[in-house]
Amino acid sequence: MANQIHPLMSFFEGYVRNFRRLNLSSLHNRSMFTSREIDYFARLGEWLGFDAYVEDSKRNDLTGRSRPMDLSWWKWDTRLDKENYVSLSLHLERESLPQKAEDTIEKLFTESDEGYRPEHVIGVQYVDSLSDIDQLNEKILTLNKYQKSQVLMFYRELDRKNQFERE
């Protein structure tokens, strides 16, 4: 099961094609966007045969405290292990505050106390400007050298002048 390849770009294309089905508008706040997007990926994981959990616990061994994952997909296979999940297939984080971007990325690449490392990570992150993306991607590359996850990042920039968001 390890290193099972998910077509992350297909997930992205499906997300874009189905975005209108989230039924969101400019009248909705960021909390509603968060809720609907996490629900979309939770349903996708369940359709693909994973156990999906929202706000699943994940202990950070460096700080000794629990940092819940916004969404996780776990793979169960009784042919391999009748008592435990065989893999943490996906860890998704979504953050609306640009000032928490680095913290959110660190959370995506934190090993749990059970030793599970996600095979895939998805981050949905707001940024203050498009120039922040290169720095954040460098941090991802550095942190992912150990974890070796497949990574998909969505960055959103709020164009304050024209009052719309770019993804």
C-alpha atoms as a PDB file:
ATOM      1  CA  MET A   1       0.000   0.000   0.000  1.00  0.00           C
ATOM      2  CA  ALA A   2       2.873   2.391   0.651  1.00  0.00           C
ATOM      3  CA  ASN A   3       3.679   4.703  -2.226  1.00  0.00           C
ATOM      4  CA  GLN A   4       0.307   4.032  -3.833  1.00  0.00           C
ATOM      5  CA  ILE A   5       0.007   6.813  -6.391  1.00  0.00           C
ATOM      6  CA  HIS A   6      -3.069   8.991  -6.319  1.00  0.00           C
ATOM      7  CA  PRO A   7      -3.525  11.218  -9.306  1.00  0.00           C
ATOM      8  CA  LEU A   8      -3.330  14.489  -7.371  1.00  0.00           C
ATOM      9  CA  MET A   9      -3.687  16.528 -10.532  1.00  0.00           C
ATOM     10  CA  SER A  10      -6.893  14.605 -11.277  1.00  0.00           C
ATOM     11  CA  PHE A  11      -8.115  15.579  -7.799  1.00  0.00           C
ATOM     12  CA  PHE A  12      -7.329  19.199  -8.644  1.00  0.00           C
ATOM     13  CA  GLU A  13      -9.079  19.003 -12.026  1.00  0.00           C
ATOM     14  CA  GLY A  14     -12.122  17.379 -10.418  1.00  0.00           C
ATOM     15  CA  TYR A  15     -12.169  20.047  -7.728  1.00  0.00           C
ATOM     16  CA  VAL A  16     -12.097  22.828 -10.337  1.00  0.00           C
ATOM     17  CA  ARG A  17     -14.753  21.178 -12.508  1.00  0.00           C
ATOM     18  CA  ASN A  18     -17.025  20.552  -9.519  1.00  0.00           C
ATOM     19  CA  PHE A  19     -16.441  23.853  -7.733  1.00  0.00           C
ATOM     20  CA  ARG A  20     -19.846  25.201  -8.763  1.00  0.00           C
ATOM     21  CA  ARG A  21     -21.441  22.214  -6.989  1.00  0.00           C
ATOM     22  CA  LEU A  22     -20.060  23.529  -3.704  1.00  0.00           C
ATOM     23  CA  ASN A  23     -22.735  26.234  -4.119  1.00  0.00           C
ATOM     24  CA  LEU A  24     -20.544  29.046  -2.822  1.00  0.00           C
ATOM     25  CA  SER A  25     -20.765  32.719  -3.672  1.00  0.00           C
ATOM     26  CA  SER A  26     -19.175  36.002  -2.684  1.00  0.00           C
ATOM     27  CA  LEU A  27     -21.809  36.223   0.052  1.00  0.00           C
ATOM     28  CA  HIS A  28     -20.278  33.230   1.893  1.00  0.00           C
ATOM     29  CA  ASN A  29     -17.539  33.763   4.452  1.00  0.00           C
ATOM     30  CA  ARG A  30     -14.241  31.862   4.580  1.00  0.00           C
ATOM     31  CA  SER A  31     -15.580  29.484   7.219  1.00  0.00           C
ATOM     32  CA  MET A  32     -18.247  28.286   4.793  1.00  0.00           C
ATOM     33  CA  PHE A  33     -15.608  27.844   2.079  1.00  0.00           C
ATOM     34  CA  THR A  34     -13.517  25.809   4.535  1.00  0.00           C
ATOM     35  CA  SER A  35     -16.440  23.626   5.547  1.00  0.00           C
ATOM     36  CA  ARG A  36     -17.570  22.887   2.001  1.00  0.00           C
ATOM     37  CA  GLU A  37     -14.060  22.237   0.653  1.00  0.00           C
ATOM     38  CA  ILE A  38     -13.155  19.858   3.470  1.00  0.00           C
ATOM     39  CA  ASP A  39     -16.477  18.085   3.016  1.00  0.00           C
ATOM     40  CA  TYR A  40     -15.780  17.756  -0.736  1.00  0.00           C
ATOM     41  CA  PHE A  41     -12.443  16.041  -0.108  1.00  0.00           C
ATOM     42  CA  ALA A  42     -13.903  13.882   2.699  1.00  0.00           C
ATOM     43  CA  ARG A  43     -16.587  12.577   0.333  1.00  0.00           C
ATOM     44  CA  LEU A  44     -14.002  12.020  -2.395  1.00  0.00           C
ATOM     45  CA  GLY A  45     -11.899   9.916  -0.020  1.00  0.00           C
ATOM     46  CA  GLU A  46     -14.907   7.846   1.014  1.00  0.00           C
ATOM     47  CA  TRP A  47     -15.867   7.293  -2.629  1.00  0.00           C
ATOM     48  CA  LEU A  48     -12.331   6.029  -3.222  1.00  0.00           C
ATOM     49  CA  GLY A  49     -12.620   3.537  -0.361  1.00  0.00           C
ATOM     50  CA  PHE A  50     -10.814   5.328   2.470  1.00  0.00           C
ATOM     51  CA  ASP A  51     -11.988   6.072   5.985  1.00  0.00           C
ATOM     52  CA  ALA A  52     -12.139   9.883   6.104  1.00  0.00           C
ATOM     53  CA  TYR A  53     -11.893  11.801   9.382  1.00  0.00           C
ATOM     54  CA  VAL A  54     -12.308  15.540   9.968  1.00  0.00           C
ATOM     55  CA  GLU A  55     -10.233  17.026  12.817  1.00  0.00           C
ATOM     56  CA  ASP A  56      -8.333  13.762  13.282  1.00  0.00           C
ATOM     57  CA  SER A  57      -5.670  13.878  15.992  1.00  0.00           C
ATOM     58  CA  LYS A  58      -1.994  13.877  15.096  1.00  0.00           C
ATOM     59  CA  ARG A  59       0.573  14.279  17.844  1.00  0.00           C
ATOM     60  CA  ASN A  60       3.563  16.476  17.015  1.00  0.00           C
ATOM     61  CA  ASP A  61       6.626  14.703  18.412  1.00  0.00           C
ATOM     62  CA  LEU A  62       8.685  17.918  18.380  1.00  0.00           C
ATOM     63  CA  THR A  63       6.307  19.927  20.568  1.00  0.00           C
ATOM     64  CA  GLY A  64       4.649  17.054  22.406  1.00  0.00           C
ATOM     65  CA  ARG A  65       1.155  18.345  21.702  1.00  0.00           C
ATOM     66  CA  SER A  66      -1.665  17.205  19.477  1.00  0.00           C
ATOM     67  CA  ARG A  67      -2.389  19.151  16.316  1.00  0.00           C
ATOM     68  CA  PRO A  68      -5.568  17.900  14.655  1.00  0.00           C
ATOM     69  CA  MET A  69      -5.469  17.316  10.916  1.00  0.00           C
ATOM     70  CA  ASP A  70      -8.264  19.139   9.102  1.00  0.00           C
ATOM     71  CA  LEU A  71      -8.878  15.954   7.101  1.00  0.00           C
ATOM     72  CA  SER A  72      -7.262  12.538   6.911  1.00  0.00           C
ATOM     73  CA  TRP A  73      -7.813   9.492   4.730  1.00  0.00           C
ATOM     74  CA  TRP A  74      -6.873   6.148   6.272  1.00  0.00           C
ATOM     75  CA  LYS A  75      -6.564   2.835   4.454  1.00  0.00           C
ATOM     76  CA  TRP A  76      -7.866  -0.307   6.136  1.00  0.00           C
ATOM     77  CA  ASP A  77      -6.916  -3.707   4.716  1.00  0.00           C
ATOM     78  CA  THR A  78      -7.621  -6.764   6.885  1.00  0.00           C
ATOM     79  CA  ARG A  79      -5.497  -8.906   4.561  1.00  0.00           C
ATOM     80  CA  LEU A  80      -2.471  -6.972   5.841  1.00  0.00           C
ATOM     81  CA  ASP A  81      -3.473  -6.026   9.389  1.00  0.00           C
ATOM     82  CA  LYS A  82      -6.702  -6.943  11.159  1.00  0.00           C
ATOM     83  CA  GLU A  83      -6.312  -4.401  13.987  1.00  0.00           C
ATOM     84  CA  ASN A  84      -4.632  -1.272  12.559  1.00  0.00           C
ATOM     85  CA  TYR A  85      -4.838   0.948   9.541  1.00  0.00           C
ATOM     86  CA  VAL A  86      -2.187   0.068   6.996  1.00  0.00           C
ATOM     87  CA  SER A  87      -1.537   3.640   5.899  1.00  0.00           C
ATOM     88  CA  LEU A  88      -2.331   7.297   6.287  1.00  0.00           C
ATOM     89  CA  SER A  89      -3.042   7.999   2.669  1.00  0.00           C
ATOM     90  CA  LEU A  90      -3.853  11.711   2.828  1.00  0.00           C
ATOM     91  CA  HIS A  91      -3.479  14.666   5.171  1.00  0.00           C
ATOM     92  CA  LEU A  92      -5.282  17.861   4.116  1.00  0.00           C
ATOM     93  CA  GLU A  93      -4.946  21.268   5.758  1.00  0.00           C
ATOM     94  CA  ARG A  94      -6.884  24.404   4.890  1.00  0.00           C
ATOM     95  CA  GLU A  95      -5.949  27.797   6.299  1.00  0.00           C
ATOM     96  CA  SER A  96      -7.613  31.133   5.582  1.00  0.00           C
ATOM     97  CA  LEU A  97      -5.074  33.330   7.391  1.00  0.00           C
ATOM     98  CA  PRO A  98      -1.974  34.175   5.335  1.00  0.00           C
ATOM     99  CA  GLN A  99       0.088  34.799   8.494  1.00  0.00           C
ATOM    100  CA  LYS A 100      -0.352  31.105   9.436  1.00  0.00           C
ATOM    101  CA  ALA A 101       0.991  29.794   6.115  1.00  0.00           C
ATOM    102  CA  GLU A 102       4.320  28.495   7.431  1.00  0.00           C
ATOM    103  CA  ASP A 103       2.720  26.924  10.493  1.00  0.00           C
ATOM    104  CA  THR A 104       0.171  25.169   8.269  1.00  0.00           C
ATOM    105  CA  ILE A 105       2.925  23.779   6.055  1.00  0.00           C
ATOM    106  CA  GLU A 106       4.843  22.531   9.098  1.00  0.00           C
ATOM    107  CA  LYS A 107       1.678  20.791  10.246  1.00  0.00           C
ATOM    108  CA  LEU A 108       1.414  18.939   6.912  1.00  0.00           C
ATOM    109  CA  PHE A 109       4.891  17.507   7.402  1.00  0.00           C
ATOM    110  CA  THR A 110       4.735  16.466  11.066  1.00  0.00           C
ATOM    111  CA  GLU A 111       5.110  12.787  11.872  1.00  0.00           C
ATOM    112  CA  SER A 112       2.544  11.290  14.240  1.00  0.00           C
ATOM    113  CA  ASP A 113       3.521   9.455  17.405  1.00  0.00           C
ATOM    114  CA  GLU A 114       2.348   6.211  15.787  1.00  0.00           C
ATOM    115  CA  GLY A 115       4.910   6.743  13.025  1.00  0.00           C
ATOM    116  CA  TYR A 116       2.376   7.230  10.234  1.00  0.00           C
ATOM    117  CA  ARG A 117       3.528   9.553   7.484  1.00  0.00           C
ATOM    118  CA  PRO A 118       0.958  10.645   4.922  1.00  0.00           C
ATOM    119  CA  GLU A 119       1.553   9.341   1.443  1.00  0.00           C
ATOM    120  CA  HIS A 120      -0.141  12.460   0.059  1.00  0.00           C
ATOM    121  CA  VAL A 121      -0.683  15.957   1.396  1.00  0.00           C
ATOM    122  CA  ILE A 122      -2.986  18.683   0.140  1.00  0.00           C
ATOM    123  CA  GLY A 123      -2.759  22.241   1.400  1.00  0.00           C
ATOM    124  CA  VAL A 124      -5.255  25.015   0.696  1.00  0.00           C
ATOM    125  CA  GLN A 125      -3.585  28.235   1.774  1.00  0.00           C
ATOM    126  CA  TYR A 126      -4.356  31.940   1.477  1.00  0.00           C
ATOM    127  CA  VAL A 127      -1.360  34.193   0.759  1.00  0.00           C
ATOM    128  CA  ASP A 128      -0.882  37.958   0.926  1.00  0.00           C
ATOM    129  CA  SER A 129       0.806  38.071  -2.469  1.00  0.00           C
ATOM    130  CA  LEU A 130       1.873  35.745  -5.245  1.00  0.00           C
ATOM    131  CA  SER A 131       5.500  36.490  -4.330  1.00  0.00           C
ATOM    132  CA  ASP A 132       5.011  34.484  -1.069  1.00  0.00           C
ATOM    133  CA  ILE A 133       4.477  31.244  -2.994  1.00  0.00           C
ATOM    134  CA  ASP A 134       8.142  30.653  -3.923  1.00  0.00           C
ATOM    135  CA  GLN A 135       9.234  30.906  -0.270  1.00  0.00           C
ATOM    136  CA  LEU A 136       6.450  28.565   0.863  1.00  0.00           C
ATOM    137  CA  ASN A 137       7.293  26.040  -1.850  1.00  0.00           C
ATOM    138  CA  GLU A 138      10.948  26.049  -0.725  1.00  0.00           C
ATOM    139  CA  LYS A 139       9.813  25.248   2.809  1.00  0.00           C
ATOM    140  CA  ILE A 140       7.686  22.386   1.457  1.00  0.00           C
ATOM    141  CA  LEU A 141      10.633  20.944  -0.482  1.00  0.00           C
ATOM    142  CA  THR A 142      12.847  21.135   2.600  1.00  0.00           C
ATOM    143  CA  LEU A 143      10.324  19.523   4.956  1.00  0.00           C
ATOM    144  CA  ASN A 144       9.279  16.880   2.436  1.00  0.00           C
ATOM    145  CA  LYS A 145      12.816  15.486   2.037  1.00  0.00           C
ATOM    146  CA  TYR A 146      12.147  13.274   5.054  1.00  0.00           C
ATOM    147  CA  GLN A 147       8.421  12.602   4.628  1.00  0.00           C
ATOM    148  CA  LYS A 148       8.521  12.030   0.844  1.00  0.00           C
ATOM    149  CA  SER A 149       4.801  12.691   0.313  1.00  0.00           C
ATOM    150  CA  GLN A 150       3.138  13.549  -2.960  1.00  0.00           C
ATOM    151  CA  VAL A 151       2.132  17.216  -2.542  1.00  0.00           C
ATOM    152  CA  LEU A 152      -0.650  19.346  -3.992  1.00  0.00           C
ATOM    153  CA  MET A 153      -0.905  22.971  -2.849  1.00  0.00           C
ATOM    154  CA  PHE A 154      -3.696  25.410  -3.651  1.00  0.00           C
ATOM    155  CA  TYR A 155      -2.747  29.029  -3.073  1.00  0.00           C
ATOM    156  CA  ARG A 156      -5.338  31.792  -2.931  1.00  0.00           C
ATOM    157  CA  GLU A 157      -4.500  35.452  -3.170  1.00  0.00           C
ATOM    158  CA  LEU A 158      -7.012  38.142  -2.306  1.00  0.00           C
ATOM    159  CA  ASP A 159      -6.807  40.971  -4.821  1.00  0.00           C
ATOM    160  CA  ARG A 160      -7.747  43.766  -2.436  1.00  0.00           C
ATOM    161  CA  LYS A 161      -7.953  46.368  -5.188  1.00  0.00           C
ATOM    162  CA  ASN A 162     -10.539  44.469  -7.248  1.00  0.00           C
ATOM    163  CA  GLN A 163     -12.001  42.494  -4.306  1.00  0.00           C
ATOM    164  CA  PHE A 164     -11.706  38.997  -5.746  1.00  0.00           C
ATOM    165  CA  GLU A 165      -9.620  35.927  -5.057  1.00  0.00           C
ATOM    166  CA  ARG A 166      -7.224  34.171  -7.368  1.00  0.00           C
ATOM    167  CA  GLU A 167      -6.377  30.500  -7.049  1.00  0.00           C
END
